[in-house]
PDB file of N, CA and C in Angstrom:
ATOM      1  N   MET A   1     -33.450  17.181  -3.751  1.00  0.00           N
ATOM      2  CA  MET A   1     -32.335  18.904  -2.813  1.00  0.00           C
ATOM      3  C   MET A   1     -32.903  19.118  -1.100  1.00  0.00           C
ATOM      4  N   ARG A   2     -33.883  19.467  -1.185  1.00  0.00           N
ATOM      5  CA  ARG A   2     -34.697  19.105   0.164  1.00  0.00           C
ATOM      6  C   ARG A   2     -33.961  18.490   1.110  1.00  0.00           C
ATOM      7  N   ASN A   3     -34.380  17.336   0.942  1.00  0.00           N
ATOM      8  CA  ASN A   3     -34.073  15.997   1.422  1.00  0.00           C
ATOM      9  C   ASN A   3     -32.761  15.822   1.664  1.00  0.00           C
ATOM     10  N   LEU A   4     -31.815  16.455   0.765  1.00  0.00           N
ATOM     11  CA  LEU A   4     -30.083  16.357   1.244  1.00  0.00           C
ATOM     12  C   LEU A   4     -30.617  17.290   2.319  1.00  0.00           C
ATOM     13  N   LEU A   5     -30.337  18.366   2.103  1.00  0.00           N
ATOM     14  CA  LEU A   5     -30.529  19.358   3.265  1.00  0.00           C
ATOM     15  C   LEU A   5     -30.679  18.622   4.403  1.00  0.00           C
ATOM     16  N   TYR A   6     -31.910  18.189   4.606  1.00  0.00           N
ATOM     17  CA  TYR A   6     -32.242  17.909   5.743  1.00  0.00           C
ATOM     18  C   TYR A   6     -31.356  16.609   6.561  1.00  0.00           C
ATOM     19  N   VAL A   7     -30.595  15.459   5.491  1.00  0.00           N
ATOM     20  CA  VAL A   7     -30.209  14.642   6.171  1.00  0.00           C
ATOM     21  C   VAL A   7     -28.936  14.873   6.113  1.00  0.00           C
ATOM     22  N   LEU A   8     -28.078  16.381   5.904  1.00  0.00           N
ATOM     23  CA  LEU A   8     -26.998  17.397   6.353  1.00  0.00           C
ATOM     24  C   LEU A   8     -26.881  17.630   7.768  1.00  0.00           C
ATOM     25  N   GLN A   9     -27.769  18.708   7.668  1.00  0.00           N
ATOM     26  CA  GLN A   9     -28.029  18.619   8.955  1.00  0.00           C
ATOM     27  C   GLN A   9     -28.692  17.818  10.392  1.00  0.00           C
ATOM     28  N   SER A  10     -28.947  16.778  10.308  1.00  0.00           N
ATOM     29  CA  SER A  10     -29.389  15.940  11.082  1.00  0.00           C
ATOM     30  C   SER A  10     -28.849  14.215  10.498  1.00  0.00           C
ATOM     31  N   PRO A  11     -28.011  14.107  10.421  1.00  0.00           N
ATOM     32  CA  PRO A  11     -27.606  12.863  10.025  1.00  0.00           C
ATOM     33  C   PRO A  11     -27.700  11.893  10.889  1.00  0.00           C
ATOM     34  N   SER A  12     -28.662  11.010  10.761  1.00  0.00           N
ATOM     35  CA  SER A  12     -28.171   9.077  11.576  1.00  0.00           C
ATOM     36  C   SER A  12     -26.886   8.037  10.824  1.00  0.00           C
ATOM     37  N   GLU A  13     -26.910   7.294  11.293  1.00  0.00           N
ATOM     38  CA  GLU A  13     -25.638   6.335  10.553  1.00  0.00           C
ATOM     39  C   GLU A  13     -26.666   5.882   9.033  1.00  0.00           C
ATOM     40  N   ASP A  14     -27.797   5.429   9.532  1.00  0.00           N
ATOM     41  CA  ASP A  14     -28.487   5.129   8.005  1.00  0.00           C
ATOM     42  C   ASP A  14     -29.054   5.720   6.792  1.00  0.00           C
ATOM     43  N   GLU A  15     -29.247   7.258   7.392  1.00  0.00           N
ATOM     44  CA  GLU A  15     -29.196   8.578   6.417  1.00  0.00           C
ATOM     45  C   GLU A  15     -27.679   8.873   5.899  1.00  0.00           C
ATOM     46  N   LEU A  16     -26.807   8.418   6.322  1.00  0.00           N
ATOM     47  CA  LEU A  16     -25.403   8.553   5.976  1.00  0.00           C
ATOM     48  C   LEU A  16     -24.847   7.843   4.887  1.00  0.00           C
ATOM     49  N   ILE A  17     -25.474   5.967   5.234  1.00  0.00           N
ATOM     50  CA  ILE A  17     -25.259   5.359   4.466  1.00  0.00           C
ATOM     51  C   ILE A  17     -26.155   5.467   2.927  1.00  0.00           C
ATOM     52  N   HIS A  18     -27.232   6.161   3.429  1.00  0.00           N
ATOM     53  CA  HIS A  18     -28.105   6.117   1.860  1.00  0.00           C
ATOM     54  C   HIS A  18     -27.446   7.500   1.151  1.00  0.00           C
ATOM     55  N   LEU A  19     -26.900   8.291   1.912  1.00  0.00           N
ATOM     56  CA  LEU A  19     -26.859   9.670   1.409  1.00  0.00           C
ATOM     57  C   LEU A  19     -25.737   9.346   0.522  1.00  0.00           C
ATOM     58  N   GLN A  20     -24.666   8.639   0.825  1.00  0.00           N
ATOM     59  CA  GLN A  20     -23.382   7.626   0.001  1.00  0.00           C
ATOM     60  C   GLN A  20     -23.532   7.839  -1.972  1.00  0.00           C
ATOM     61  N   GLN A  21     -24.732   7.477  -1.728  1.00  0.00           N
ATOM     62  CA  GLN A  21     -25.062   7.330  -3.120  1.00  0.00           C
ATOM     63  C   GLN A  21     -25.114   9.286  -3.709  1.00  0.00           C
ATOM     64  N   TYR A  22     -25.789   9.842  -3.580  1.00  0.00           N
ATOM     65  CA  TYR A  22     -25.964  11.109  -3.583  1.00  0.00           C
ATOM     66  C   TYR A  22     -24.050  11.766  -3.726  1.00  0.00           C
ATOM     67  N   LEU A  23     -23.241  11.326  -3.169  1.00  0.00           N
ATOM     68  CA  LEU A  23     -21.970  12.243  -3.697  1.00  0.00           C
ATOM     69  C   LEU A  23     -21.420  12.068  -4.947  1.00  0.00           C
ATOM     70  N   PRO A  24     -21.311  11.383  -5.452  1.00  0.00           N
ATOM     71  CA  PRO A  24     -21.058  11.345  -7.222  1.00  0.00           C
ATOM     72  C   PRO A  24     -21.428  12.782  -7.399  1.00  0.00           C
ATOM     73  N   SER A  25     -23.109  13.035  -7.970  1.00  0.00           N
ATOM     74  CA  SER A  25     -23.490  13.994  -8.430  1.00  0.00           C
ATOM     75  C   SER A  25     -23.961  15.497  -8.038  1.00  0.00           C
ATOM     76  N   VAL A  26     -23.421  14.793  -6.400  1.00  0.00           N
ATOM     77  CA  VAL A  26     -23.117  16.205  -5.930  1.00  0.00           C
ATOM     78  C   VAL A  26     -21.869  17.200  -6.058  1.00  0.00           C
ATOM     79  N   GLU A  27     -20.605  16.129  -6.413  1.00  0.00           N
ATOM     80  CA  GLU A  27     -19.370  16.112  -6.543  1.00  0.00           C
ATOM     81  C   GLU A  27     -19.489  16.931  -8.354  1.00  0.00           C
ATOM     82  N   GLU A  28     -20.365  16.510  -9.174  1.00  0.00           N
ATOM     83  CA  GLU A  28     -20.530  16.409 -10.495  1.00  0.00           C
ATOM     84  C   GLU A  28     -21.277  17.556 -10.276  1.00  0.00           C
ATOM     85  N   LEU A  29     -21.683  18.760  -9.760  1.00  0.00           N
ATOM     86  CA  LEU A  29     -22.501  19.703  -9.619  1.00  0.00           C
ATOM     87  C   LEU A  29     -21.592  20.314  -9.442  1.00  0.00           C
ATOM     88  N   GLU A  30     -20.440  20.658  -8.580  1.00  0.00           N
ATOM     89  CA  GLU A  30     -19.830  21.437  -8.310  1.00  0.00           C
ATOM     90  C   GLU A  30     -18.995  21.726  -8.951  1.00  0.00           C
ATOM     91  N   ILE A  31     -18.332  20.547  -9.998  1.00  0.00           N
ATOM     92  CA  ILE A  31     -17.241  20.976 -10.695  1.00  0.00           C
ATOM     93  C   ILE A  31     -17.898  21.081 -11.507  1.00  0.00           C
ATOM     94  N   SER A  32     -19.045  21.370 -12.117  1.00  0.00           N
ATOM     95  CA  SER A  32     -19.572  21.661 -13.526  1.00  0.00           C
ATOM     96  C   SER A  32     -19.735  23.433 -13.614  1.00  0.00           C
ATOM     97  N   GLY A  33     -19.901  23.783 -11.541  1.00  0.00           N
ATOM     98  CA  GLY A  33     -19.328  25.336 -11.834  1.00  0.00           C
ATOM     99  C   GLY A  33     -17.812  26.056 -11.998  1.00  0.00           C
ATOM    100  N   PHE A  34     -17.203  25.016 -11.598  1.00  0.00           N
ATOM    101  CA  PHE A  34     -15.842  25.597 -11.827  1.00  0.00           C
ATOM    102  C   PHE A  34     -15.197  26.888 -12.783  1.00  0.00           C
ATOM    103  N   THR A  35     -14.419  27.421 -12.587  1.00  0.00           N
ATOM    104  CA  THR A  35     -14.440  28.304 -13.808  1.00  0.00           C
ATOM    105  C   THR A  35     -13.026  27.309 -14.356  1.00  0.00           C
ATOM    106  N   ASP A  36     -12.234  27.954 -15.368  1.00  0.00           N
ATOM    107  CA  ASP A  36     -11.256  26.860 -15.916  1.00  0.00           C
ATOM    108  C   ASP A  36      -9.989  27.150 -15.195  1.00  0.00           C
ATOM    109  N   ALA A  37      -9.620  28.013 -14.196  1.00  0.00           N
ATOM    110  CA  ALA A  37      -8.572  28.130 -13.586  1.00  0.00           C
ATOM    111  C   ALA A  37      -8.722  27.267 -12.418  1.00  0.00           C
ATOM    112  N   GLU A  38     -10.039  26.965 -11.806  1.00  0.00           N
ATOM    113  CA  GLU A  38     -10.197  26.423 -10.884  1.00  0.00           C
ATOM    114  C   GLU A  38     -10.359  24.766 -11.420  1.00  0.00           C
ATOM    115  N   LEU A  39     -10.778  24.832 -12.476  1.00  0.00           N
ATOM    116  CA  LEU A  39     -11.067  23.254 -13.383  1.00  0.00           C
ATOM    117  C   LEU A  39      -9.411  22.743 -13.550  1.00  0.00           C
ATOM    118  N   ARG A  40      -8.532  23.566 -13.990  1.00  0.00           N
ATOM    119  CA  ARG A  40      -6.908  23.035 -13.994  1.00  0.00           C
ATOM    120  C   ARG A  40      -6.684  22.817 -12.459  1.00  0.00           C
ATOM    121  N   ALA A  41      -6.976  23.939 -11.876  1.00  0.00           N
ATOM    122  CA  ALA A  41      -6.616  23.415 -10.404  1.00  0.00           C
ATOM    123  C   ALA A  41      -6.980  21.827  -9.567  1.00  0.00           C
ATOM    124  N   TYR A  42      -8.523  21.763 -10.177  1.00  0.00           N
ATOM    125  CA  TYR A  42      -9.170  20.785  -9.397  1.00  0.00           C
ATOM    126  C   TYR A  42      -8.240  19.585 -10.103  1.00  0.00           C
ATOM    127  N   ASP A  43      -8.030  19.437 -11.590  1.00  0.00           N
ATOM    128  CA  ASP A  43      -7.244  18.022 -12.029  1.00  0.00           C
ATOM    129  C   ASP A  43      -5.723  18.089 -11.612  1.00  0.00           C
ATOM    130  N   LYS A  44      -5.033  19.184 -11.615  1.00  0.00           N
ATOM    131  CA  LYS A  44      -3.742  19.056 -10.724  1.00  0.00           C
ATOM    132  C   LYS A  44      -3.799  18.252  -9.615  1.00  0.00           C
ATOM    133  N   PHE A  45      -4.663  18.948  -8.817  1.00  0.00           N
ATOM    134  CA  PHE A  45      -4.607  18.091  -7.427  1.00  0.00           C
ATOM    135  C   PHE A  45      -5.311  17.028  -7.259  1.00  0.00           C
ATOM    136  N   TRP A  46      -5.832  16.515  -8.231  1.00  0.00           N
ATOM    137  CA  TRP A  46      -6.268  14.785  -8.623  1.00  0.00           C
ATOM    138  C   TRP A  46      -5.122  14.583  -9.232  1.00  0.00           C
ATOM    139  N   ASP A  47      -4.261  14.434  -9.963  1.00  0.00           N
ATOM    140  CA  ASP A  47      -3.268  14.268 -10.540  1.00  0.00           C
ATOM    141  C   ASP A  47      -2.121  14.147  -9.880  1.00  0.00           C
ATOM    142  N   SER A  48      -1.958  14.962  -8.907  1.00  0.00           N
ATOM    143  CA  SER A  48      -0.884  15.400  -7.562  1.00  0.00           C
ATOM    144  C   SER A  48      -1.403  13.730  -6.734  1.00  0.00           C
ATOM    145  N   VAL A  49      -2.759  13.650  -6.491  1.00  0.00           N
ATOM    146  CA  VAL A  49      -3.316  12.581  -5.816  1.00  0.00           C
ATOM    147  C   VAL A  49      -2.563  11.358  -6.059  1.00  0.00           C
ATOM    148  N   SER A  50      -3.625  11.550  -7.343  1.00  0.00           N
ATOM    149  CA  SER A  50      -2.521  10.008  -8.241  1.00  0.00           C
ATOM    150  C   SER A  50      -1.237   9.679  -7.923  1.00  0.00           C
ATOM    151  N   VAL A  51       0.224  10.439  -8.346  1.00  0.00           N
ATOM    152  CA  VAL A  51       0.980  10.723  -8.398  1.00  0.00           C
ATOM    153  C   VAL A  51       1.576   9.801  -6.776  1.00  0.00           C
ATOM    154  N   GLU A  52       0.674  10.396  -5.677  1.00  0.00           N
ATOM    155  CA  GLU A  52       1.019  10.305  -4.996  1.00  0.00           C
ATOM    156  C   GLU A  52       0.922   8.477  -4.122  1.00  0.00           C
ATOM    157  N   ARG A  53      -0.052   9.185  -4.592  1.00  0.00           N
ATOM    158  CA  ARG A  53      -0.663   6.926  -4.147  1.00  0.00           C
ATOM    159  C   ARG A  53       0.282   5.853  -5.195  1.00  0.00           C
ATOM    160  N   THR A  54       0.466   5.826  -5.920  1.00  0.00           N
ATOM    161  CA  THR A  54       1.134   5.542  -6.443  1.00  0.00           C
ATOM    162  C   THR A  54       3.020   5.578  -6.531  1.00  0.00           C
ATOM    163  N   LEU A  55       3.803   6.246  -5.919  1.00  0.00           N
ATOM    164  CA  LEU A  55       4.588   6.311  -5.272  1.00  0.00           C
ATOM    165  C   LEU A  55       4.283   5.938  -3.621  1.00  0.00           C
ATOM    166  N   LEU A  56       3.145   5.744  -3.166  1.00  0.00           N
ATOM    167  CA  LEU A  56       3.419   5.073  -1.743  1.00  0.00           C
ATOM    168  C   LEU A  56       2.952   3.373  -1.821  1.00  0.00           C
ATOM    169  N   ASP A  57       2.605   2.972  -3.390  1.00  0.00           N
ATOM    170  CA  ASP A  57       1.814   2.426  -3.228  1.00  0.00           C
ATOM    171  C   ASP A  57       3.465   1.309  -3.477  1.00  0.00           C
ATOM    172  N   ASP A  58       4.466   2.107  -4.825  1.00  0.00           N
ATOM    173  CA  ASP A  58       5.277   1.213  -4.914  1.00  0.00           C
ATOM    174  C   ASP A  58       6.722   0.888  -3.606  1.00  0.00           C
ATOM    175  N   ARG A  59       6.542   2.013  -2.785  1.00  0.00           N
ATOM    176  CA  ARG A  59       6.755   1.697  -1.709  1.00  0.00           C
ATOM    177  C   ARG A  59       6.691   0.963  -0.858  1.00  0.00           C
ATOM    178  N   TYR A  60       5.340   0.653  -0.799  1.00  0.00           N
ATOM    179  CA  TYR A  60       5.000  -0.738   0.276  1.00  0.00           C
ATOM    180  C   TYR A  60       5.276  -1.837  -0.428  1.00  0.00           C
ATOM    181  N   GLN A  61       5.059  -1.969  -1.866  1.00  0.00           N
ATOM    182  CA  GLN A  61       5.650  -3.132  -2.400  1.00  0.00           C
ATOM    183  C   GLN A  61       6.724  -3.338  -2.149  1.00  0.00           C
ATOM    184  N   LYS A  62       7.753  -2.460  -2.305  1.00  0.00           N
ATOM    185  CA  LYS A  62       9.520  -2.618  -2.418  1.00  0.00           C
ATOM    186  C   LYS A  62       9.790  -3.207  -0.640  1.00  0.00           C
ATOM    187  N   GLY A  63       9.044  -2.586   0.218  1.00  0.00           N
ATOM    188  CA  GLY A  63       9.504  -2.953   1.442  1.00  0.00           C
ATOM    189  C   GLY A  63       9.085  -4.259   2.021  1.00  0.00           C
ATOM    190  N   ARG A  64       7.700  -4.825   1.454  1.00  0.00           N
ATOM    191  CA  ARG A  64       7.582  -6.056   1.350  1.00  0.00           C
ATOM    192  C   ARG A  64       8.342  -6.582   0.821  1.00  0.00           C
ATOM    193  N   GLU A  65       8.907  -7.009  -0.529  1.00  0.00           N
ATOM    194  CA  GLU A  65       9.249  -7.646  -0.835  1.00  0.00           C
ATOM    195  C   GLU A  65      11.105  -7.651  -0.320  1.00  0.00           C
ATOM    196  N   GLU A  66      11.274  -6.351   0.056  1.00  0.00           N
ATOM    197  CA  GLU A  66      12.449  -6.583   1.042  1.00  0.00           C
ATOM    198  C   GLU A  66      12.367  -7.513   2.024  1.00  0.00           C
ATOM    199  N   GLY A  67      11.185  -7.383   2.847  1.00  0.00           N
ATOM    200  CA  GLY A  67      10.993  -8.190   3.872  1.00  0.00           C
ATOM    201  C   GLY A  67      11.007  -9.821   3.908  1.00  0.00           C
ATOM    202  N   ARG A  68      10.181 -10.107   2.516  1.00  0.00           N
ATOM    203  CA  ARG A  68      10.382 -11.259   2.322  1.00  0.00           C
ATOM    204  C   ARG A  68      11.693 -11.719   1.925  1.00  0.00           C
ATOM    205  N   GLU A  69      12.461 -11.219   1.210  1.00  0.00           N
ATOM    206  CA  GLU A  69      14.035 -11.370   1.373  1.00  0.00           C
ATOM    207  C   GLU A  69      14.833 -11.374   2.710  1.00  0.00           C
ATOM    208  N   GLU A  70      14.574 -10.596   3.321  1.00  0.00           N
ATOM    209  CA  GLU A  70      15.384 -10.973   4.351  1.00  0.00           C
ATOM    210  C   GLU A  70      14.845 -11.961   5.404  1.00  0.00           C
ATOM    211  N   GLY A  71      14.104 -12.198   5.218  1.00  0.00           N
ATOM    212  CA  GLY A  71      13.308 -13.404   5.874  1.00  0.00           C
ATOM    213  C   GLY A  71      13.778 -14.642   5.311  1.00  0.00           C
ATOM    214  N   ILE A  72      13.338 -15.208   4.010  1.00  0.00           N
ATOM    215  CA  ILE A  72      14.462 -16.052   3.335  1.00  0.00           C
ATOM    216  C   ILE A  72      15.655 -16.380   3.568  1.00  0.00           C
ATOM    217  N   ASN A  73      16.538 -15.007   3.627  1.00  0.00           N
ATOM    218  CA  ASN A  73      17.880 -15.186   3.604  1.00  0.00           C
ATOM    219  C   ASN A  73      18.300 -15.654   5.414  1.00  0.00           C
ATOM    220  N   GLN A  74      17.527 -14.409   6.429  1.00  0.00           N
ATOM    221  CA  GLN A  74      17.501 -15.199   8.183  1.00  0.00           C
ATOM    222  C   GLN A  74      17.102 -16.860   7.970  1.00  0.00           C
ATOM    223  N   ARG A  75      15.669 -17.175   7.382  1.00  0.00           N
ATOM    224  CA  ARG A  75      15.403 -18.336   7.386  1.00  0.00           C
ATOM    225  C   ARG A  75      16.875 -19.873   6.709  1.00  0.00           C
ATOM    226  N   SER A  76      17.573 -19.298   5.807  1.00  0.00           N
ATOM    227  CA  SER A  76      18.588 -19.705   5.441  1.00  0.00           C
ATOM    228  C   SER A  76      19.817 -20.201   6.304  1.00  0.00           C
ATOM    229  N   LEU A  77      19.660 -19.151   6.870  1.00  0.00           N
ATOM    230  CA  LEU A  77      21.401 -18.667   7.736  1.00  0.00           C
ATOM    231  C   LEU A  77      21.158 -19.877   9.133  1.00  0.00           C
ATOM    232  N   GLU A  78      19.849 -19.489   9.347  1.00  0.00           N
ATOM    233  CA  GLU A  78      19.022 -20.491  10.586  1.00  0.00           C
ATOM    234  C   GLU A  78      19.371 -22.458   9.978  1.00  0.00           C
ATOM    235  N   ILE A  79      19.061 -22.428   8.989  1.00  0.00           N
ATOM    236  CA  ILE A  79      19.236 -23.838   8.034  1.00  0.00           C
ATOM    237  C   ILE A  79      20.195 -24.666   8.181  1.00  0.00           C
ATOM    238  N   ALA A  80      21.370 -23.462   7.901  1.00  0.00           N
ATOM    239  CA  ALA A  80      23.030 -23.821   7.875  1.00  0.00           C
ATOM    240  C   ALA A  80      23.736 -23.802   9.106  1.00  0.00           C
ATOM    241  N   ARG A  81      23.084 -22.783   9.624  1.00  0.00           N
ATOM    242  CA  ARG A  81      23.388 -22.690  11.478  1.00  0.00           C
ATOM    243  C   ARG A  81      23.227 -24.631  11.956  1.00  0.00           C
ATOM    244  N   ASN A  82      21.638 -24.631  11.755  1.00  0.00           N
ATOM    245  CA  ASN A  82      21.580 -25.890  12.333  1.00  0.00           C
ATOM    246  C   ASN A  82      22.521 -27.323  11.668  1.00  0.00           C
ATOM    247  N   MET A  83      22.369 -27.363  10.594  1.00  0.00           N
ATOM    248  CA  MET A  83      22.830 -28.450   9.720  1.00  0.00           C
ATOM    249  C   MET A  83      24.704 -28.701  10.065  1.00  0.00           C
ATOM    250  N   LEU A  84      25.158 -27.213  10.335  1.00  0.00           N
ATOM    251  CA  LEU A  84      26.560 -27.197  11.032  1.00  0.00           C
ATOM    252  C   LEU A  84      26.748 -27.807  12.202  1.00  0.00           C
ATOM    253  N   ALA A  85      25.766 -27.679  13.130  1.00  0.00           N
ATOM    254  CA  ALA A  85      25.340 -27.890  14.301  1.00  0.00           C
ATOM    255  C   ALA A  85      25.335 -29.489  14.663  1.00  0.00           C
ATOM    256  N   LYS A  86      24.683 -29.787  13.663  1.00  0.00           N
ATOM    257  CA  LYS A  86      24.470 -31.586  13.441  1.00  0.00           C
ATOM    258  C   LYS A  86      25.583 -31.882  13.060  1.00  0.00           C
ATOM    259  N   GLY A  87      26.902 -31.392  12.674  1.00  0.00           N
ATOM    260  CA  GLY A  87      27.999 -31.708  11.855  1.00  0.00           C
ATOM    261  C   GLY A  87      28.126 -32.448  10.544  1.00  0.00           C
ATOM    262  N   MET A  88      27.469 -31.400   9.898  1.00  0.00           N
ATOM    263  CA  MET A  88      27.301 -31.212   8.231  1.00  0.00           C
ATOM    264  C   MET A  88      28.352 -30.600   7.834  1.00  0.00           C
ATOM    265  N   ASP A  89      29.033 -30.928   6.888  1.00  0.00           N
ATOM    266  CA  ASP A  89      30.250 -30.912   5.803  1.00  0.00           C
ATOM    267  C   ASP A  89      30.263 -29.245   6.001  1.00  0.00           C
ATOM    268  N   ALA A  90      30.993 -28.246   5.652  1.00  0.00           N
ATOM    269  CA  ALA A  90      30.211 -27.018   5.615  1.00  0.00           C
ATOM    270  C   ALA A  90      30.192 -26.945   4.504  1.00  0.00           C
ATOM    271  N   SER A  91      31.491 -27.319   3.553  1.00  0.00           N
ATOM    272  CA  SER A  91      30.999 -27.026   1.997  1.00  0.00           C
ATOM    273  C   SER A  91      29.737 -27.573   1.115  1.00  0.00           C
ATOM    274  N   THR A  92      29.170 -28.497   2.165  1.00  0.00           N
ATOM    275  CA  THR A  92      28.160 -28.909   1.608  1.00  0.00           C
ATOM    276  C   THR A  92      27.064 -28.095   2.155  1.00  0.00           C
ATOM    277  N   VAL A  93      26.984 -27.760   3.379  1.00  0.00           N
ATOM    278  CA  VAL A  93      25.949 -26.725   3.753  1.00  0.00           C
ATOM    279  C   VAL A  93      26.035 -25.465   2.716  1.00  0.00           C
ATOM    280  N   LEU A  94      27.672 -24.976   2.583  1.00  0.00           N
ATOM    281  CA  LEU A  94      27.273 -24.332   1.297  1.00  0.00           C
ATOM    282  C   LEU A  94      26.787 -23.931   0.431  1.00  0.00           C
ATOM    283  N   GLU A  95      27.348 -25.281  -0.211  1.00  0.00           N
ATOM    284  CA  GLU A  95      26.489 -25.673  -1.626  1.00  0.00           C
ATOM    285  C   GLU A  95      24.730 -25.456  -1.398  1.00  0.00           C
ATOM    286  N   ILE A  96      24.271 -26.424  -0.644  1.00  0.00           N
ATOM    287  CA  ILE A  96      22.849 -26.651  -0.705  1.00  0.00           C
ATOM    288  C   ILE A  96      22.316 -25.239  -0.696  1.00  0.00           C
ATOM    289  N   THR A  97      22.947 -24.609   0.505  1.00  0.00           N
ATOM    290  CA  THR A  97      21.990 -23.119   1.108  1.00  0.00           C
ATOM    291  C   THR A  97      22.368 -21.951   0.132  1.00  0.00           C
ATOM    292  N   GLY A  98      23.270 -21.977  -0.270  1.00  0.00           N
ATOM    293  CA  GLY A  98      23.799 -20.960  -1.668  1.00  0.00           C
ATOM    294  C   GLY A  98      24.896 -20.070  -0.727  1.00  0.00           C
ATOM    295  N   LEU A  99      24.622 -20.123   0.393  1.00  0.00           N
ATOM    296  CA  LEU A  99      25.451 -18.916   1.355  1.00  0.00           C
ATOM    297  C   LEU A  99      26.431 -19.138   1.474  1.00  0.00           C
ATOM    298  N   SER A 100      27.125 -17.939   1.609  1.00  0.00           N
ATOM    299  CA  SER A 100      29.100 -18.217   1.885  1.00  0.00           C
ATOM    300  C   SER A 100      29.372 -18.174   3.199  1.00  0.00           C
ATOM    301  N   MET A 101      30.451 -18.716   3.383  1.00  0.00           N
ATOM    302  CA  MET A 101      30.960 -18.842   4.706  1.00  0.00           C
ATOM    303  C   MET A 101      30.815 -17.692   6.136  1.00  0.00           C
ATOM    304  N   GLU A 102      31.449 -16.436   5.410  1.00  0.00           N
ATOM    305  CA  GLU A 102      30.949 -14.883   5.814  1.00  0.00           C
ATOM    306  C   GLU A 102      29.475 -14.813   6.689  1.00  0.00           C
ATOM    307  N   GLU A 103      28.761 -15.596   5.570  1.00  0.00           N
ATOM    308  CA  GLU A 103      26.962 -15.106   5.863  1.00  0.00           C
ATOM    309  C   GLU A 103      26.860 -16.359   7.216  1.00  0.00           C
ATOM    310  N   ILE A 104      27.635 -17.517   6.683  1.00  0.00           N
ATOM    311  CA  ILE A 104      27.036 -18.300   7.586  1.00  0.00           C
ATOM    312  C   ILE A 104      27.255 -17.516   9.676  1.00  0.00           C
ATOM    313  N   GLN A 105      28.746 -17.396   9.403  1.00  0.00           N
ATOM    314  CA  GLN A 105      29.848 -17.195  10.933  1.00  0.00           C
ATOM    315  C   GLN A 105      28.881 -15.765  11.311  1.00  0.00           C
TER     316      GLN A 105
END
């Protein structure tokens, strides 16, 4: 414990890296001293953190999917317009790309 106090008072980068291995033990010591009410509050806090992380991850994944779909749609529009510009029949372009005439125009 004396070494831990010394490192906390004047930490260098190397000492901080070395200290990381003790952090879980220090946290466990703190938790073991909690009252029942403090322990319930602690658990509730970490439950809410977990829920928040899950929600953020879900939003991130949804945003990625929407962005990917938008990119695919933009590329399809670009290809369809190029095909039309080269004189390809509009009904063929619509069939190949799966787009509607309204989307292309």
